[in-house]
Amino acid sequence: MSAPFAQGPSDPTVQPVPASVIEQVDAADTTLSNPKRAVIALGANLGNRLETLQGAIDALEDTPGVRVKGVSPVYETEPWGVAPDSQPSYFNAVVIVKTTLPPSSLLERAHAVEEAFHRVRDEHWGPRTLDVDIVAYAEVVSDDPRLTLPHPRAHERAFVLAPWLDVDPEAALPGQGRVADLLAAVTRDGIAPRADLELRLPE
């Protein structure tokens, strides 16, 4: 097992928020007036996976204009699209947030959190220290290539649907239907709940 991240100036959970994000939410963040609900999927298969997921949750909570409202159980998932046993398994979770950030700024922050944990995008389906994916943002449906909403493959991924259903049993994916129905239609092969692991809701 890898050693935990060292605490101190390089602690990835305390990376500064980009100035552009702070500017965009500076006024709104004082009250979180009219926040939107967003669903964010987390995944990690390198290093201390549980600590990385918790660090990502804490970093999202530390973002101006974002409040984490729900954290799912942890699932362990076989990697997609690669030869068996060629990569470590993933830990996956879903968080529900309320946010005054527009989708583009939430995406910017998601990428900043990934980079804080040294995410490298050099291989399709490659292993990664951290994935932070926006699954849904309110009822927004958009085919913007930079951020397609809802996530174009979320409806077929049990490692997104299962933890999402756990944290929100009444959840629905815009344009696709109830998460419970979507999960019933896909295979759960290769994913397993990890009842021995727990992620904290930020205080």
N, C-alpha and C. Protein backbone atom coordinates (compact mmCIF):
# COMPACT_ATOMS: atom_id res chain seq x y z
N MET A 1 0.85 -1.20 0.00
CA MET A 1 0.00 0.00 0.00
C MET A 1 0.88 1.24 0.00
N SER A 2 0.50 2.22 -0.78
CA SER A 2 1.31 3.42 -0.85
C SER A 2 1.19 4.22 0.43
N ALA A 3 2.24 4.96 0.72
CA ALA A 3 2.21 5.82 1.89
C ALA A 3 1.22 6.95 1.67
N PRO A 4 0.56 7.43 2.72
CA PRO A 4 -0.35 8.56 2.57
C PRO A 4 0.38 9.80 2.06
N PHE A 5 -0.37 10.69 1.46
CA PHE A 5 0.21 11.96 1.04
C PHE A 5 0.81 12.67 2.24
N ALA A 6 1.96 13.25 2.04
CA ALA A 6 2.57 14.03 3.12
C ALA A 6 1.75 15.28 3.38
N GLN A 7 1.60 15.60 4.64
CA GLN A 7 0.89 16.83 4.98
C GLN A 7 1.86 18.01 4.88
N GLY A 8 1.35 19.16 4.63
CA GLY A 8 2.22 20.33 4.55
C GLY A 8 1.87 21.15 3.33
N PRO A 9 2.80 21.98 2.87
CA PRO A 9 2.50 22.89 1.76
C PRO A 9 2.04 22.20 0.49
N SER A 10 2.48 20.94 0.29
CA SER A 10 2.10 20.26 -0.94
C SER A 10 0.83 19.43 -0.77
N ASP A 11 0.20 19.51 0.37
CA ASP A 11 -1.02 18.74 0.62
C ASP A 11 -2.06 19.08 -0.45
N PRO A 12 -2.45 18.10 -1.28
CA PRO A 12 -3.35 18.42 -2.40
C PRO A 12 -4.73 18.87 -1.99
N THR A 13 -5.11 18.66 -0.74
CA THR A 13 -6.45 19.08 -0.33
C THR A 13 -6.51 20.58 -0.03
N VAL A 14 -5.38 21.26 0.00
CA VAL A 14 -5.41 22.68 0.32
C VAL A 14 -4.84 23.53 -0.82
N GLN A 15 -4.94 23.00 -2.04
CA GLN A 15 -4.50 23.79 -3.19
C GLN A 15 -5.36 25.04 -3.30
N PRO A 16 -4.78 26.17 -3.70
CA PRO A 16 -5.59 27.38 -3.84
C PRO A 16 -6.63 27.25 -4.95
N VAL A 17 -7.74 27.89 -4.73
CA VAL A 17 -8.79 27.92 -5.74
C VAL A 17 -8.38 28.91 -6.84
N PRO A 18 -8.54 28.55 -8.12
CA PRO A 18 -8.17 29.50 -9.18
C PRO A 18 -8.86 30.85 -9.01
N ALA A 19 -8.10 31.92 -9.26
CA ALA A 19 -8.64 33.27 -9.06
C ALA A 19 -9.90 33.50 -9.88
N SER A 20 -9.93 32.93 -11.10
CA SER A 20 -11.11 33.14 -11.95
C SER A 20 -12.37 32.57 -11.32
N VAL A 21 -12.22 31.44 -10.62
CA VAL A 21 -13.38 30.84 -9.96
C VAL A 21 -13.82 31.72 -8.79
N ILE A 22 -12.86 32.20 -8.02
CA ILE A 22 -13.19 33.07 -6.87
C ILE A 22 -13.95 34.30 -7.35
N GLU A 23 -13.48 34.90 -8.44
CA GLU A 23 -14.14 36.11 -8.95
C GLU A 23 -15.57 35.84 -9.35
N GLN A 24 -15.79 34.71 -9.98
CA GLN A 24 -17.13 34.42 -10.50
C GLN A 24 -18.14 34.16 -9.40
N VAL A 25 -17.70 33.69 -8.25
CA VAL A 25 -18.66 33.35 -7.20
C VAL A 25 -18.54 34.23 -5.97
N ASP A 26 -17.72 35.24 -6.04
CA ASP A 26 -17.42 36.05 -4.86
C ASP A 26 -18.70 36.58 -4.20
N ALA A 27 -19.58 37.15 -5.00
CA ALA A 27 -20.81 37.72 -4.44
C ALA A 27 -21.79 36.62 -4.04
N ALA A 28 -21.98 35.65 -4.92
CA ALA A 28 -22.99 34.63 -4.68
C ALA A 28 -22.66 33.76 -3.47
N ASP A 29 -21.36 33.59 -3.20
CA ASP A 29 -20.98 32.62 -2.18
C ASP A 29 -21.37 33.05 -0.78
N THR A 30 -21.64 34.33 -0.57
CA THR A 30 -21.96 34.79 0.78
C THR A 30 -23.26 34.16 1.28
N THR A 31 -24.15 33.83 0.37
CA THR A 31 -25.44 33.27 0.79
C THR A 31 -25.75 31.94 0.12
N LEU A 32 -24.99 31.57 -0.91
CA LEU A 32 -25.36 30.43 -1.75
C LEU A 32 -26.82 30.54 -2.19
N SER A 33 -27.22 31.75 -2.58
CA SER A 33 -28.60 31.95 -3.00
C SER A 33 -28.84 31.25 -4.34
N ASN A 34 -30.00 30.64 -4.44
CA ASN A 34 -30.41 29.92 -5.65
C ASN A 34 -29.37 28.91 -6.12
N PRO A 35 -28.89 28.04 -5.23
CA PRO A 35 -27.89 27.06 -5.66
C PRO A 35 -28.50 25.99 -6.55
N LYS A 36 -27.68 25.42 -7.40
CA LYS A 36 -28.08 24.31 -8.24
C LYS A 36 -27.53 23.01 -7.66
N ARG A 37 -28.22 21.92 -7.92
CA ARG A 37 -27.78 20.61 -7.45
C ARG A 37 -26.95 19.97 -8.55
N ALA A 38 -25.79 19.45 -8.19
CA ALA A 38 -24.94 18.76 -9.15
C ALA A 38 -24.50 17.42 -8.57
N VAL A 39 -24.27 16.48 -9.46
CA VAL A 39 -23.83 15.13 -9.09
C VAL A 39 -22.43 14.93 -9.67
N ILE A 40 -21.49 14.55 -8.82
CA ILE A 40 -20.10 14.41 -9.24
C ILE A 40 -19.63 13.00 -8.91
N ALA A 41 -19.05 12.33 -9.89
CA ALA A 41 -18.50 10.98 -9.71
C ALA A 41 -17.00 11.07 -9.49
N LEU A 42 -16.50 10.30 -8.52
CA LEU A 42 -15.08 10.26 -8.20
C LEU A 42 -14.56 8.85 -8.41
N GLY A 43 -13.33 8.75 -8.90
CA GLY A 43 -12.70 7.45 -9.05
C GLY A 43 -11.19 7.57 -8.91
N ALA A 44 -10.56 6.53 -8.35
CA ALA A 44 -9.11 6.51 -8.19
C ALA A 44 -8.62 5.07 -8.22
N ASN A 45 -7.49 4.84 -8.92
CA ASN A 45 -6.93 3.48 -8.88
C ASN A 45 -5.41 3.47 -8.73
N LEU A 46 -4.84 4.58 -8.31
CA LEU A 46 -3.41 4.63 -8.00
C LEU A 46 -3.22 5.25 -6.62
N GLY A 47 -2.15 4.85 -5.95
CA GLY A 47 -1.84 5.43 -4.65
C GLY A 47 -2.83 5.02 -3.58
N ASN A 48 -2.96 5.85 -2.55
CA ASN A 48 -3.91 5.60 -1.47
C ASN A 48 -5.29 6.04 -1.95
N ARG A 49 -6.05 5.09 -2.49
CA ARG A 49 -7.28 5.44 -3.20
C ARG A 49 -8.32 6.07 -2.29
N LEU A 50 -8.51 5.53 -1.09
CA LEU A 50 -9.53 6.07 -0.19
C LEU A 50 -9.14 7.48 0.25
N GLU A 51 -7.88 7.68 0.58
CA GLU A 51 -7.44 9.00 1.01
C GLU A 51 -7.58 10.02 -0.12
N THR A 52 -7.31 9.57 -1.34
CA THR A 52 -7.46 10.47 -2.48
C THR A 52 -8.92 10.90 -2.66
N LEU A 53 -9.85 9.95 -2.57
CA LEU A 53 -11.27 10.30 -2.70
C LEU A 53 -11.70 11.27 -1.60
N GLN A 54 -11.25 11.02 -0.37
CA GLN A 54 -11.62 11.92 0.71
C GLN A 54 -11.01 13.30 0.49
N GLY A 55 -9.77 13.33 0.00
CA GLY A 55 -9.14 14.62 -0.28
C GLY A 55 -9.89 15.40 -1.36
N ALA A 56 -10.39 14.69 -2.36
CA ALA A 56 -11.16 15.35 -3.41
C ALA A 56 -12.46 15.93 -2.86
N ILE A 57 -13.13 15.17 -2.00
CA ILE A 57 -14.37 15.65 -1.38
C ILE A 57 -14.08 16.90 -0.55
N ASP A 58 -13.01 16.88 0.22
CA ASP A 58 -12.67 18.04 1.05
C ASP A 58 -12.31 19.24 0.18
N ALA A 59 -11.62 18.99 -0.94
CA ALA A 59 -11.25 20.09 -1.83
C ALA A 59 -12.48 20.70 -2.49
N LEU A 60 -13.47 19.88 -2.84
CA LEU A 60 -14.71 20.42 -3.38
C LEU A 60 -15.42 21.27 -2.35
N GLU A 61 -15.47 20.80 -1.10
CA GLU A 61 -16.11 21.56 -0.03
C GLU A 61 -15.41 22.90 0.21
N ASP A 62 -14.09 22.93 -0.01
CA ASP A 62 -13.32 24.16 0.19
C ASP A 62 -13.45 25.15 -0.95
N THR A 63 -14.20 24.80 -1.98
CA THR A 63 -14.38 25.66 -3.14
C THR A 63 -15.45 26.70 -2.88
N PRO A 64 -15.17 27.99 -3.05
CA PRO A 64 -16.22 29.00 -2.92
C PRO A 64 -17.39 28.69 -3.85
N GLY A 65 -18.59 28.74 -3.32
CA GLY A 65 -19.77 28.48 -4.13
C GLY A 65 -20.13 27.02 -4.25
N VAL A 66 -19.47 26.14 -3.49
CA VAL A 66 -19.79 24.71 -3.52
C VAL A 66 -19.96 24.21 -2.10
N ARG A 67 -21.02 23.44 -1.87
CA ARG A 67 -21.22 22.78 -0.58
C ARG A 67 -21.56 21.32 -0.84
N VAL A 68 -20.81 20.43 -0.23
CA VAL A 68 -21.05 18.99 -0.38
C VAL A 68 -22.21 18.60 0.54
N LYS A 69 -23.26 18.02 -0.04
CA LYS A 69 -24.46 17.68 0.72
C LYS A 69 -24.66 16.19 0.93
N GLY A 70 -24.00 15.36 0.14
CA GLY A 70 -24.15 13.93 0.29
C GLY A 70 -22.95 13.19 -0.26
N VAL A 71 -22.55 12.12 0.42
CA VAL A 71 -21.40 11.31 0.01
C VAL A 71 -21.84 9.85 0.02
N SER A 72 -21.61 9.16 -1.07
CA SER A 72 -22.05 7.77 -1.21
C SER A 72 -21.10 6.81 -0.50
N PRO A 73 -21.54 5.55 -0.38
CA PRO A 73 -20.60 4.49 0.00
C PRO A 73 -19.53 4.32 -1.09
N VAL A 74 -18.49 3.58 -0.74
CA VAL A 74 -17.39 3.30 -1.67
C VAL A 74 -17.66 1.98 -2.39
N TYR A 75 -17.39 1.96 -3.69
CA TYR A 75 -17.45 0.73 -4.47
C TYR A 75 -16.06 0.44 -5.05
N GLU A 76 -15.73 -0.84 -5.15
CA GLU A 76 -14.49 -1.24 -5.82
C GLU A 76 -14.87 -1.81 -7.18
N THR A 77 -14.16 -1.33 -8.22
CA THR A 77 -14.56 -1.59 -9.60
C THR A 77 -13.37 -2.05 -10.42
N GLU A 78 -13.59 -3.08 -11.23
CA GLU A 78 -12.57 -3.49 -12.18
C GLU A 78 -12.43 -2.42 -13.27
N PRO A 79 -11.20 -2.10 -13.71
CA PRO A 79 -11.02 -1.08 -14.75
C PRO A 79 -11.74 -1.46 -16.04
N TRP A 80 -12.25 -0.43 -16.73
CA TRP A 80 -12.94 -0.63 -18.00
C TRP A 80 -11.95 -0.57 -19.16
N GLY A 81 -12.24 -1.32 -20.21
CA GLY A 81 -11.56 -1.14 -21.48
C GLY A 81 -10.11 -1.57 -21.52
N VAL A 82 -9.66 -2.35 -20.54
CA VAL A 82 -8.26 -2.78 -20.50
C VAL A 82 -8.20 -4.28 -20.19
N ALA A 83 -7.04 -4.87 -20.42
CA ALA A 83 -6.87 -6.30 -20.16
C ALA A 83 -7.02 -6.58 -18.66
N PRO A 84 -7.62 -7.73 -18.31
CA PRO A 84 -7.77 -8.07 -16.89
C PRO A 84 -6.42 -8.08 -16.18
N ASP A 85 -6.43 -7.56 -14.97
CA ASP A 85 -5.26 -7.53 -14.09
C ASP A 85 -4.13 -6.65 -14.61
N SER A 86 -4.40 -5.81 -15.63
CA SER A 86 -3.34 -4.93 -16.13
C SER A 86 -3.26 -3.63 -15.33
N GLN A 87 -4.27 -3.35 -14.52
CA GLN A 87 -4.30 -2.15 -13.69
C GLN A 87 -4.89 -2.50 -12.33
N PRO A 88 -4.58 -1.70 -11.31
CA PRO A 88 -5.27 -1.88 -10.02
C PRO A 88 -6.77 -1.57 -10.18
N SER A 89 -7.56 -2.11 -9.27
CA SER A 89 -8.99 -1.80 -9.28
C SER A 89 -9.22 -0.36 -8.82
N TYR A 90 -10.38 0.15 -9.18
CA TYR A 90 -10.78 1.52 -8.80
C TYR A 90 -11.57 1.50 -7.50
N PHE A 91 -11.47 2.57 -6.75
CA PHE A 91 -12.46 2.93 -5.75
C PHE A 91 -13.31 4.03 -6.38
N ASN A 92 -14.62 3.89 -6.30
CA ASN A 92 -15.55 4.86 -6.87
C ASN A 92 -16.52 5.35 -5.82
N ALA A 93 -16.96 6.59 -5.98
CA ALA A 93 -17.98 7.17 -5.11
C ALA A 93 -18.67 8.30 -5.87
N VAL A 94 -19.80 8.72 -5.34
CA VAL A 94 -20.57 9.83 -5.92
C VAL A 94 -20.86 10.83 -4.81
N VAL A 95 -20.71 12.10 -5.13
CA VAL A 95 -21.07 13.14 -4.17
C VAL A 95 -22.16 14.04 -4.78
N ILE A 96 -23.04 14.50 -3.92
CA ILE A 96 -24.07 15.47 -4.30
C ILE A 96 -23.65 16.82 -3.75
N VAL A 97 -23.63 17.84 -4.60
CA VAL A 97 -23.27 19.17 -4.15
C VAL A 97 -24.37 20.16 -4.49
N LYS A 98 -24.42 21.22 -3.72
CA LYS A 98 -25.20 22.41 -4.09
C LYS A 98 -24.18 23.47 -4.47
N THR A 99 -24.42 24.16 -5.58
CA THR A 99 -23.42 25.10 -6.06
C THR A 99 -24.04 26.30 -6.73
N THR A 100 -23.37 27.45 -6.58
CA THR A 100 -23.73 28.64 -7.34
C THR A 100 -22.81 28.81 -8.54
N LEU A 101 -21.86 27.91 -8.71
CA LEU A 101 -21.00 27.97 -9.88
C LEU A 101 -21.76 27.53 -11.13
N PRO A 102 -21.54 28.20 -12.26
CA PRO A 102 -22.08 27.68 -13.51
C PRO A 102 -21.34 26.40 -13.88
N PRO A 103 -21.89 25.58 -14.77
CA PRO A 103 -21.24 24.31 -15.11
C PRO A 103 -19.79 24.46 -15.55
N SER A 104 -19.49 25.49 -16.34
CA SER A 104 -18.12 25.66 -16.84
C SER A 104 -17.13 25.89 -15.71
N SER A 105 -17.54 26.64 -14.69
CA SER A 105 -16.65 26.90 -13.56
C SER A 105 -16.52 25.67 -12.66
N LEU A 106 -17.61 24.91 -12.54
CA LEU A 106 -17.53 23.68 -11.76
C LEU A 106 -16.58 22.70 -12.44
N LEU A 107 -16.62 22.64 -13.78
CA LEU A 107 -15.69 21.79 -14.52
C LEU A 107 -14.25 22.25 -14.30
N GLU A 108 -14.04 23.56 -14.33
CA GLU A 108 -12.70 24.11 -14.09
C GLU A 108 -12.18 23.68 -12.72
N ARG A 109 -13.04 23.73 -11.74
CA ARG A 109 -12.62 23.32 -10.40
C ARG A 109 -12.38 21.82 -10.33
N ALA A 110 -13.20 21.03 -11.01
CA ALA A 110 -13.00 19.58 -11.04
C ALA A 110 -11.62 19.25 -11.60
N HIS A 111 -11.25 19.93 -12.69
CA HIS A 111 -9.93 19.69 -13.28
C HIS A 111 -8.82 20.15 -12.34
N ALA A 112 -9.03 21.25 -11.62
CA ALA A 112 -8.02 21.72 -10.68
C ALA A 112 -7.82 20.72 -9.55
N VAL A 113 -8.91 20.11 -9.09
CA VAL A 113 -8.79 19.10 -8.03
C VAL A 113 -8.03 17.88 -8.56
N GLU A 114 -8.34 17.45 -9.79
CA GLU A 114 -7.60 16.34 -10.39
C GLU A 114 -6.11 16.65 -10.44
N GLU A 115 -5.78 17.86 -10.91
CA GLU A 115 -4.38 18.23 -11.05
C GLU A 115 -3.68 18.30 -9.71
N ALA A 116 -4.40 18.68 -8.67
CA ALA A 116 -3.81 18.74 -7.34
C ALA A 116 -3.36 17.35 -6.88
N PHE A 117 -4.03 16.34 -7.40
CA PHE A 117 -3.65 14.97 -7.06
C PHE A 117 -2.81 14.33 -8.16
N HIS A 118 -2.21 15.18 -9.00
CA HIS A 118 -1.24 14.75 -10.01
C HIS A 118 -1.85 13.83 -11.06
N ARG A 119 -3.09 14.15 -11.43
CA ARG A 119 -3.73 13.40 -12.54
C ARG A 119 -2.96 13.68 -13.83
N VAL A 120 -2.65 12.64 -14.58
CA VAL A 120 -1.98 12.76 -15.87
C VAL A 120 -2.89 12.17 -16.93
N ARG A 121 -3.14 12.93 -18.01
CA ARG A 121 -4.04 12.47 -19.08
C ARG A 121 -3.20 12.07 -20.30
N ASP A 122 -2.49 10.95 -20.19
CA ASP A 122 -1.63 10.56 -21.31
C ASP A 122 -2.02 9.23 -21.94
N GLU A 123 -3.09 8.61 -21.46
CA GLU A 123 -3.47 7.30 -21.99
C GLU A 123 -4.97 7.12 -21.83
N HIS A 124 -5.66 6.84 -22.95
CA HIS A 124 -7.10 6.57 -22.88
C HIS A 124 -7.33 5.30 -22.07
N TRP A 125 -8.26 5.36 -21.13
CA TRP A 125 -8.53 4.27 -20.20
C TRP A 125 -7.33 3.96 -19.31
N GLY A 126 -6.36 4.87 -19.25
CA GLY A 126 -5.17 4.61 -18.45
C GLY A 126 -5.47 4.73 -16.96
N PRO A 127 -4.57 4.20 -16.12
CA PRO A 127 -4.75 4.36 -14.68
C PRO A 127 -4.64 5.82 -14.30
N ARG A 128 -5.28 6.21 -13.23
CA ARG A 128 -5.17 7.62 -12.82
C ARG A 128 -5.34 7.73 -11.31
N THR A 129 -4.65 8.71 -10.77
CA THR A 129 -4.77 8.95 -9.34
C THR A 129 -6.17 9.43 -8.99
N LEU A 130 -6.81 10.17 -9.90
CA LEU A 130 -8.12 10.73 -9.56
C LEU A 130 -8.88 11.13 -10.81
N ASP A 131 -10.15 10.74 -10.85
CA ASP A 131 -11.12 11.21 -11.83
C ASP A 131 -12.18 12.01 -11.09
N VAL A 132 -12.51 13.19 -11.59
CA VAL A 132 -13.62 13.98 -11.04
C VAL A 132 -14.52 14.33 -12.22
N ASP A 133 -15.65 13.68 -12.34
CA ASP A 133 -16.55 13.86 -13.48
C ASP A 133 -17.89 14.43 -13.03
N ILE A 134 -18.33 15.47 -13.73
CA ILE A 134 -19.67 16.02 -13.48
C ILE A 134 -20.67 15.13 -14.22
N VAL A 135 -21.51 14.45 -13.47
CA VAL A 135 -22.48 13.52 -14.04
C VAL A 135 -23.74 14.27 -14.47
N ALA A 136 -24.21 15.17 -13.62
CA ALA A 136 -25.43 15.92 -13.92
C ALA A 136 -25.36 17.27 -13.19
N TYR A 137 -25.99 18.27 -13.80
CA TYR A 137 -26.05 19.61 -13.21
C TYR A 137 -27.49 20.08 -13.36
N ALA A 138 -28.21 20.12 -12.23
CA ALA A 138 -29.64 20.47 -12.24
C ALA A 138 -30.33 19.65 -13.34
N GLU A 139 -31.15 20.28 -14.14
CA GLU A 139 -31.82 19.57 -15.24
C GLU A 139 -31.20 19.92 -16.58
N VAL A 140 -29.98 20.44 -16.55
CA VAL A 140 -29.33 20.92 -17.77
C VAL A 140 -29.03 19.75 -18.71
N VAL A 141 -29.41 19.93 -19.98
CA VAL A 141 -29.05 19.00 -21.05
C VAL A 141 -28.29 19.81 -22.09
N SER A 142 -27.04 19.44 -22.34
CA SER A 142 -26.18 20.21 -23.24
C SER A 142 -25.24 19.28 -23.98
N ASP A 143 -25.05 19.56 -25.28
CA ASP A 143 -24.09 18.75 -26.06
C ASP A 143 -22.80 19.51 -26.30
N ASP A 144 -22.50 20.48 -25.44
CA ASP A 144 -21.23 21.19 -25.52
C ASP A 144 -20.10 20.16 -25.44
N PRO A 145 -19.20 20.13 -26.43
CA PRO A 145 -18.15 19.09 -26.40
C PRO A 145 -17.21 19.21 -25.21
N ARG A 146 -17.09 20.40 -24.63
CA ARG A 146 -16.20 20.56 -23.47
C ARG A 146 -16.84 19.95 -22.22
N LEU A 147 -18.15 20.06 -22.10
CA LEU A 147 -18.85 19.49 -20.96
C LEU A 147 -20.25 19.08 -21.41
N THR A 148 -20.40 17.82 -21.79
CA THR A 148 -21.70 17.29 -22.19
C THR A 148 -22.49 16.95 -20.94
N LEU A 149 -23.71 17.45 -20.86
CA LEU A 149 -24.56 17.21 -19.69
C LEU A 149 -25.89 16.62 -20.12
N PRO A 150 -26.36 15.60 -19.39
CA PRO A 150 -25.60 14.87 -18.38
C PRO A 150 -24.45 14.09 -19.01
N HIS A 151 -23.60 13.50 -18.20
CA HIS A 151 -22.46 12.75 -18.71
C HIS A 151 -22.96 11.70 -19.71
N PRO A 152 -22.37 11.65 -20.91
CA PRO A 152 -22.96 10.82 -21.97
C PRO A 152 -22.94 9.32 -21.72
N ARG A 153 -22.12 8.84 -20.78
CA ARG A 153 -22.08 7.40 -20.54
C ARG A 153 -22.53 7.02 -19.13
N ALA A 154 -23.00 7.99 -18.36
CA ALA A 154 -23.38 7.69 -16.98
C ALA A 154 -24.50 6.66 -16.90
N HIS A 155 -25.41 6.68 -17.85
CA HIS A 155 -26.58 5.79 -17.78
C HIS A 155 -26.22 4.32 -17.95
N GLU A 156 -24.99 4.04 -18.42
CA GLU A 156 -24.61 2.64 -18.63
C GLU A 156 -23.50 2.19 -17.69
N ARG A 157 -23.17 2.99 -16.72
CA ARG A 157 -22.06 2.68 -15.82
C ARG A 157 -22.56 2.39 -14.41
N ALA A 158 -22.51 1.13 -14.05
CA ALA A 158 -22.97 0.75 -12.71
C ALA A 158 -22.12 1.39 -11.63
N PHE A 159 -20.84 1.65 -11.91
CA PHE A 159 -19.99 2.25 -10.88
C PHE A 159 -20.33 3.71 -10.62
N VAL A 160 -21.15 4.31 -11.46
CA VAL A 160 -21.73 5.64 -11.19
C VAL A 160 -23.13 5.48 -10.62
N LEU A 161 -23.94 4.65 -11.26
CA LEU A 161 -25.35 4.54 -10.88
C LEU A 161 -25.54 3.94 -9.48
N ALA A 162 -24.75 2.91 -9.14
CA ALA A 162 -24.96 2.24 -7.84
C ALA A 162 -24.67 3.17 -6.66
N PRO A 163 -23.51 3.83 -6.62
CA PRO A 163 -23.30 4.75 -5.50
C PRO A 163 -24.25 5.94 -5.51
N TRP A 164 -24.64 6.41 -6.71
CA TRP A 164 -25.58 7.53 -6.79
C TRP A 164 -26.92 7.12 -6.19
N LEU A 165 -27.39 5.93 -6.52
CA LEU A 165 -28.67 5.46 -5.98
C LEU A 165 -28.58 5.33 -4.46
N ASP A 166 -27.43 4.89 -3.96
CA ASP A 166 -27.27 4.75 -2.51
C ASP A 166 -27.42 6.09 -1.80
N VAL A 167 -26.86 7.14 -2.38
CA VAL A 167 -26.88 8.44 -1.71
C VAL A 167 -28.17 9.20 -2.01
N ASP A 168 -28.89 8.82 -3.07
CA ASP A 168 -30.12 9.50 -3.44
C ASP A 168 -31.07 8.50 -4.10
N PRO A 169 -31.87 7.78 -3.29
CA PRO A 169 -32.73 6.72 -3.83
C PRO A 169 -33.78 7.20 -4.84
N GLU A 170 -34.08 8.50 -4.84
CA GLU A 170 -35.08 9.03 -5.77
C GLU A 170 -34.42 9.69 -6.98
N ALA A 171 -33.13 9.50 -7.17
CA ALA A 171 -32.40 10.21 -8.21
C ALA A 171 -32.91 9.88 -9.60
N ALA A 172 -32.80 10.88 -10.49
CA ALA A 172 -33.12 10.69 -11.90
C ALA A 172 -32.02 11.36 -12.73
N LEU A 173 -31.68 10.74 -13.84
CA LEU A 173 -30.69 11.29 -14.76
C LEU A 173 -31.43 12.02 -15.86
N PRO A 174 -31.21 13.33 -16.01
CA PRO A 174 -31.96 14.10 -17.00
C PRO A 174 -31.90 13.45 -18.39
N GLY A 175 -33.08 13.30 -18.99
CA GLY A 175 -33.17 12.73 -20.33
C GLY A 175 -33.09 11.22 -20.39
N GLN A 176 -32.80 10.56 -19.25
CA GLN A 176 -32.62 9.11 -19.27
C GLN A 176 -33.59 8.37 -18.34
N GLY A 177 -34.02 9.03 -17.26
CA GLY A 177 -34.98 8.39 -16.38
C GLY A 177 -34.42 8.13 -14.99
N ARG A 178 -35.15 7.35 -14.21
CA ARG A 178 -34.79 7.09 -12.83
C ARG A 178 -33.51 6.25 -12.75
N VAL A 179 -32.65 6.64 -11.83
CA VAL A 179 -31.38 5.93 -11.67
C VAL A 179 -31.62 4.47 -11.28
N ALA A 180 -32.64 4.21 -10.45
CA ALA A 180 -32.94 2.83 -10.06
C ALA A 180 -33.25 1.97 -11.29
N ASP A 181 -34.01 2.52 -12.24
CA ASP A 181 -34.36 1.77 -13.45
C ASP A 181 -33.14 1.59 -14.35
N LEU A 182 -32.32 2.62 -14.46
CA LEU A 182 -31.11 2.53 -15.28
C LEU A 182 -30.15 1.48 -14.72
N LEU A 183 -30.02 1.45 -13.40
CA LEU A 183 -29.12 0.49 -12.77
C LEU A 183 -29.63 -0.93 -12.97
N ALA A 184 -30.95 -1.10 -12.93
CA ALA A 184 -31.52 -2.44 -13.11
C ALA A 184 -31.27 -2.98 -14.52
N ALA A 185 -30.99 -2.07 -15.46
CA ALA A 185 -30.83 -2.47 -16.86
C ALA A 185 -29.38 -2.76 -17.24
N VAL A 186 -28.44 -2.50 -16.34
CA VAL A 186 -27.02 -2.74 -16.66
C VAL A 186 -26.45 -3.82 -15.73
N THR A 187 -25.33 -4.36 -16.13
CA THR A 187 -24.71 -5.40 -15.32
C THR A 187 -23.95 -4.77 -14.14
N ARG A 188 -24.00 -5.49 -13.03
CA ARG A 188 -23.19 -5.08 -11.88
C ARG A 188 -21.91 -5.89 -11.81
N ASP A 189 -21.64 -6.70 -12.82
CA ASP A 189 -20.41 -7.48 -12.83
C ASP A 189 -19.21 -6.54 -12.73
N GLY A 190 -18.27 -6.90 -11.88
CA GLY A 190 -17.05 -6.12 -11.78
C GLY A 190 -17.10 -4.98 -10.80
N ILE A 191 -18.24 -4.77 -10.13
CA ILE A 191 -18.28 -3.74 -9.08
C ILE A 191 -18.79 -4.37 -7.79
N ALA A 192 -18.21 -3.93 -6.69
CA ALA A 192 -18.59 -4.51 -5.39
C ALA A 192 -18.59 -3.43 -4.33
N PRO A 193 -19.63 -3.36 -3.48
CA PRO A 193 -19.62 -2.39 -2.39
C PRO A 193 -18.54 -2.74 -1.38
N ARG A 194 -17.91 -1.71 -0.82
CA ARG A 194 -16.89 -1.90 0.20
C ARG A 194 -17.42 -1.35 1.52
N ALA A 195 -18.18 -2.18 2.21
CA ALA A 195 -18.80 -1.75 3.47
C ALA A 195 -17.76 -1.46 4.55
N ASP A 196 -16.54 -1.96 4.34
CA ASP A 196 -15.48 -1.73 5.32
C ASP A 196 -14.82 -0.37 5.18
N LEU A 197 -15.18 0.37 4.14
CA LEU A 197 -14.57 1.68 3.88
C LEU A 197 -15.64 2.76 3.98
N GLU A 198 -15.24 3.93 4.40
CA GLU A 198 -16.21 5.02 4.57
C GLU A 198 -15.57 6.36 4.23
N LEU A 199 -16.32 7.17 3.52
CA LEU A 199 -15.91 8.55 3.24
C LEU A 199 -16.73 9.49 4.10
N ARG A 200 -16.10 10.54 4.60
CA ARG A 200 -16.75 11.50 5.50
C ARG A 200 -17.41 12.62 4.71
N LEU A 201 -18.56 13.04 5.21
CA LEU A 201 -19.15 14.29 4.75
C LEU A 201 -18.38 15.42 5.43
N PRO A 202 -17.87 16.40 4.69
CA PRO A 202 -17.11 17.48 5.35
C PRO A 202 -17.93 18.17 6.43
N GLU A 203 -17.26 18.56 7.49
CA GLU A 203 -17.96 19.22 8.61
C GLU A 203 -18.15 20.70 8.30
